[in-house]
Amino acid sequence: MSKRLFVGSIAWTTTDDGLKAHFEQVGAVESAAVIMDKMSGRSKGFGFVEMANDADASAAIEKLNGSELDGRKIVVSEARPKQQ
């Protein structure tokens, strides 16, 4: 079962593909998305990555939290469910 991760402090220049490639270093990635502002079309500075399984998700949190991506140290944690 896949597990969704929150990724914060993303550089404005980071793309979905760049985010996916960074996380593929530690395991299988099902999807990766940088959240964009609808009005400006610019990154909001965070995104979500869906890892293929719990083991890969745990490894990603452990190894990539605090790692550098496109010149910024990113924050990686388990995503919380959407608020109603």
C-alpha atoms as a PDB file:
ATOM      1  CA  MET A   1       0.000   0.000   0.000  1.00  0.00           C
ATOM      2  CA  SER A   2       1.343   3.411  -0.901  1.00  0.00           C
ATOM      3  CA  LYS A   3       2.124   6.104   1.631  1.00  0.00           C
ATOM      4  CA  ARG A   4       1.861   9.856   1.004  1.00  0.00           C
ATOM      5  CA  LEU A   5       4.617  12.190   2.237  1.00  0.00           C
ATOM      6  CA  PHE A   6       4.593  15.965   2.718  1.00  0.00           C
ATOM      7  CA  VAL A   7       7.663  17.799   1.408  1.00  0.00           C
ATOM      8  CA  GLY A   8       8.189  21.373   2.610  1.00  0.00           C
ATOM      9  CA  SER A   9      10.709  24.170   1.979  1.00  0.00           C
ATOM     10  CA  ILE A  10      10.929  23.327  -1.723  1.00  0.00           C
ATOM     11  CA  ALA A  11      12.790  25.797  -3.963  1.00  0.00           C
ATOM     12  CA  TRP A  12      10.617  27.821  -6.367  1.00  0.00           C
ATOM     13  CA  THR A  13      12.457  26.219  -9.294  1.00  0.00           C
ATOM     14  CA  THR A  14      11.827  22.586  -8.291  1.00  0.00           C
ATOM     15  CA  THR A  15       9.662  20.630 -10.741  1.00  0.00           C
ATOM     16  CA  ASP A  16       7.534  17.505 -10.306  1.00  0.00           C
ATOM     17  CA  ASP A  17      10.180  15.502 -12.190  1.00  0.00           C
ATOM     18  CA  GLY A  18      13.005  16.875 -10.039  1.00  0.00           C
ATOM     19  CA  LEU A  19      11.114  16.035  -6.869  1.00  0.00           C
ATOM     20  CA  LYS A  20      10.388  12.512  -8.131  1.00  0.00           C
ATOM     21  CA  ALA A  21      14.033  11.932  -9.106  1.00  0.00           C
ATOM     22  CA  HIS A  22      15.229  13.043  -5.658  1.00  0.00           C
ATOM     23  CA  PHE A  23      12.929  10.566  -3.911  1.00  0.00           C
ATOM     24  CA  GLU A  24      13.681   7.705  -6.323  1.00  0.00           C
ATOM     25  CA  GLN A  25      17.150   7.556  -4.704  1.00  0.00           C
ATOM     26  CA  VAL A  26      15.599   5.753  -1.725  1.00  0.00           C
ATOM     27  CA  GLY A  27      12.707   3.763  -3.205  1.00  0.00           C
ATOM     28  CA  ALA A  28       9.868   3.366  -5.673  1.00  0.00           C
ATOM     29  CA  VAL A  29       7.860   6.563  -6.237  1.00  0.00           C
ATOM     30  CA  GLU A  30       4.277   6.328  -7.508  1.00  0.00           C
ATOM     31  CA  SER A  31       3.754  10.083  -7.902  1.00  0.00           C
ATOM     32  CA  ALA A  32       5.325  13.428  -7.043  1.00  0.00           C
ATOM     33  CA  ALA A  33       3.696  16.852  -7.273  1.00  0.00           C
ATOM     34  CA  VAL A  34       4.858  20.355  -6.431  1.00  0.00           C
ATOM     35  CA  ILE A  35       1.790  22.393  -5.435  1.00  0.00           C
ATOM     36  CA  MET A  36       1.352  25.465  -7.636  1.00  0.00           C
ATOM     37  CA  ASP A  37      -0.507  28.715  -6.942  1.00  0.00           C
ATOM     38  CA  LYS A  38      -3.450  28.972  -9.352  1.00  0.00           C
ATOM     39  CA  MET A  39      -3.229  32.753  -9.713  1.00  0.00           C
ATOM     40  CA  SER A  40       0.508  33.253 -10.223  1.00  0.00           C
ATOM     41  CA  GLY A  41       1.437  29.821 -11.584  1.00  0.00           C
ATOM     42  CA  ARG A  42       4.366  29.772  -9.160  1.00  0.00           C
ATOM     43  CA  SER A  43       5.258  27.031  -6.686  1.00  0.00           C
ATOM     44  CA  LYS A  44       3.801  27.366  -3.191  1.00  0.00           C
ATOM     45  CA  GLY A  45       7.019  25.891  -1.762  1.00  0.00           C
ATOM     46  CA  PHE A  46       5.663  22.476  -0.832  1.00  0.00           C
ATOM     47  CA  GLY A  47       4.545  19.264  -2.445  1.00  0.00           C
ATOM     48  CA  PHE A  48       3.571  15.649  -1.965  1.00  0.00           C
ATOM     49  CA  VAL A  49       5.284  12.390  -2.873  1.00  0.00           C
ATOM     50  CA  GLU A  50       3.547   9.026  -2.873  1.00  0.00           C
ATOM     51  CA  MET A  51       5.930   6.168  -2.119  1.00  0.00           C
ATOM     52  CA  ALA A  52       5.094   2.616  -3.247  1.00  0.00           C
ATOM     53  CA  ASN A  53       5.201   1.095   0.255  1.00  0.00           C
ATOM     54  CA  ASP A  54       5.671   1.862   3.947  1.00  0.00           C
ATOM     55  CA  ALA A  55       9.312   0.733   4.004  1.00  0.00           C
ATOM     56  CA  ASP A  56      10.272   3.116   1.177  1.00  0.00           C
ATOM     57  CA  ALA A  57       8.311   5.931   2.849  1.00  0.00           C
ATOM     58  CA  SER A  58      10.112   5.394   6.165  1.00  0.00           C
ATOM     59  CA  ALA A  59      13.475   5.322   4.378  1.00  0.00           C
ATOM     60  CA  ALA A  60      12.618   8.554   2.534  1.00  0.00           C
ATOM     61  CA  ILE A  61      11.712  10.348   5.770  1.00  0.00           C
ATOM     62  CA  GLU A  62      14.867   9.128   7.497  1.00  0.00           C
ATOM     63  CA  LYS A  63      17.309   9.801   4.651  1.00  0.00           C
ATOM     64  CA  LEU A  64      15.822  12.829   2.871  1.00  0.00           C
ATOM     65  CA  ASN A  65      14.496  14.984   5.742  1.00  0.00           C
ATOM     66  CA  GLY A  66      17.020  17.835   5.906  1.00  0.00           C
ATOM     67  CA  SER A  67      18.637  16.896   2.589  1.00  0.00           C
ATOM     68  CA  GLU A  68      19.359  19.493  -0.071  1.00  0.00           C
ATOM     69  CA  LEU A  69      17.243  19.763  -3.229  1.00  0.00           C
ATOM     70  CA  ASP A  70      17.851  22.598  -5.711  1.00  0.00           C
ATOM     71  CA  GLY A  71      19.829  24.561  -3.133  1.00  0.00           C
ATOM     72  CA  ARG A  72      17.319  24.301  -0.236  1.00  0.00           C
ATOM     73  CA  LYS A  73      17.085  21.956   2.718  1.00  0.00           C
ATOM     74  CA  ILE A  74      13.760  20.171   2.466  1.00  0.00           C
ATOM     75  CA  VAL A  75      11.475  18.944   5.239  1.00  0.00           C
ATOM     76  CA  VAL A  76       9.972  15.471   4.764  1.00  0.00           C
ATOM     77  CA  SER A  77       7.215  14.018   6.945  1.00  0.00           C
ATOM     78  CA  GLU A  78       4.179  11.782   6.709  1.00  0.00           C
ATOM     79  CA  ALA A  79       1.267  13.674   5.151  1.00  0.00           C
ATOM     80  CA  ARG A  80      -1.790  14.281   7.313  1.00  0.00           C
ATOM     81  CA  PRO A  81      -5.274  13.627   5.924  1.00  0.00           C
ATOM     82  CA  LYS A  82      -7.053  16.602   4.316  1.00  0.00           C
ATOM     83  CA  GLN A  83      -9.149  18.686   6.699  1.00  0.00           C
ATOM     84  CA  GLN A  84     -12.833  18.897   5.868  1.00  0.00           C
END
